[in-house]
């Protein structure tokens, strides 16, 4: 059994067996083989089915005559993908195409054995219809809805489901992900030296429409902890663009140009030299889904756009990197660049262009790693005035010794350099990645690593915080977004300018996701 989504996609349903028992107050519903019953509660001429499950929402359905429930009971389904219960009785929701005449609508409904019960006051082309004969219920209504949905005059038709809704629960943060919530579980760590994820998640886990592009050496788009959050078909004008691009390969007639996965590997496979193993951990810091106890990103409901610009440490074309930035700006809200290179006018202009091309003129924010050169000047392109330069702090609340410094530094975010590294996704191909398959490195399956870090990890973490901010306030310009991160950062270190609040070591301070989201929500 299935239903059709508004786009025509099949949503599979599994019917759940039910039993109906008579009672003085009306029929009692029971899921077959279950002690949990559904009792009939009458409220204002409506019948409700209370599924009797702890914490479950009350399920409602229309019933003109209570006694007919026993004769033609509602059908209970579980949606295969989610496991959520869905109950349907005798109604179908139908939306006609704009301009369809009343005569045509009546003819279609009559042919389907339906009649209008009510019209949607906000969408006049949409109605709730019921089975006129009163004989079809449950599975029969699913079938008639699918038949209606196939008609040219109808935008969509679906059973008038009453469904189980689950309120979003703030995810559990495992101790290894101290950068999200630092409980000082490891000796030497300083409690609460983290990005304040829990406070932000009380407001939002991110929105799927907010996309963060990771420009790097490729992303393992089939990784079980990333796959659900990979942006699909980012460029509708190019059917080959299924999940991002490889700009190291310039020819868009080459199928590999449309394959942003890691491609180059050489022994030793757990070192960056010669291996495409850097982009996948970056993506996990942003939007790993936390599946089966795995790593959780700071914005686990946002999406990742995979943009491959490097093949390991092979030399890369400035022009192609610049074009990758422009492409990413067209299809993502935020760009995360955990790399540095020589100054390039083309790349400079590409970052500037991102302010015009991105988000319909609001601008795509470009986050760049300050660099890991032990106190050297902020590298390029992080030094660009339109970029957001990100340095690294540790789990002890100190500047990471490797983090570059300078007046261009905007903020710092938690990373390695103290007691522990960053736990995140790793290339899932066997024997490839920072973790070749040991418990000490992140797990025997090799799909996660606890050895990521540097400003390479701090940058996507800050970018993910920005994704949470845009999830609650999508109309911000990229400059407003940049300002919010500065204004809500926690000042650390003794050498901040008393007027500007800026420090060459820490920028405007330590990124605070909870404060940033709250500040965005408070804006008019």
Foldseek 3Di string as FASTA:
>chain_A
DWAADLVRDTFDKDWFAWDWDADPVAIKIDGPPDPFIWDWDDDPQWTWTQRRDVPWDTFTDGDNDRVCCNVQNWIWIAGVVPRWIKTFWFKKKWAFDPPDDPVNVVVVQVVLQWDFPAADPVRRRITMIGRNVRNDTHPSQRVSQRVRQVDPGTSHMGGPIGIIDDDDDDDDDDQLQVQQFHPCPDPPFDGPQHQALSLLVVPPLFAALAEEEEEEAAAQCPQPQAVVQFDACLDVVDVLQGGAAALQDPDPVDSNRNHRHQDWADPVQQDLAGGSKQRHQLSFCQAGQCPPNAGGHSRNNYHYRRYYQDRRPDDGDPQSSLVSLQVCLQRHQEYFEEDADDDDPSNLVSQVVQCCNHPPNLGRAYFYEQFQQQAAARGPPLQRQRHAYEAEDESRQHGQRRTYFDQSHAAYGYADRTDWGHKTFTNQDACHYNDNADVVQHHRSNGIGRPDGGSSNRRSNVRSLLSSQCRQVVPHRNVRSSVLQLVQADQGDDDADPVPCQDRRGRSHYGHSSSSNVVSNPDD
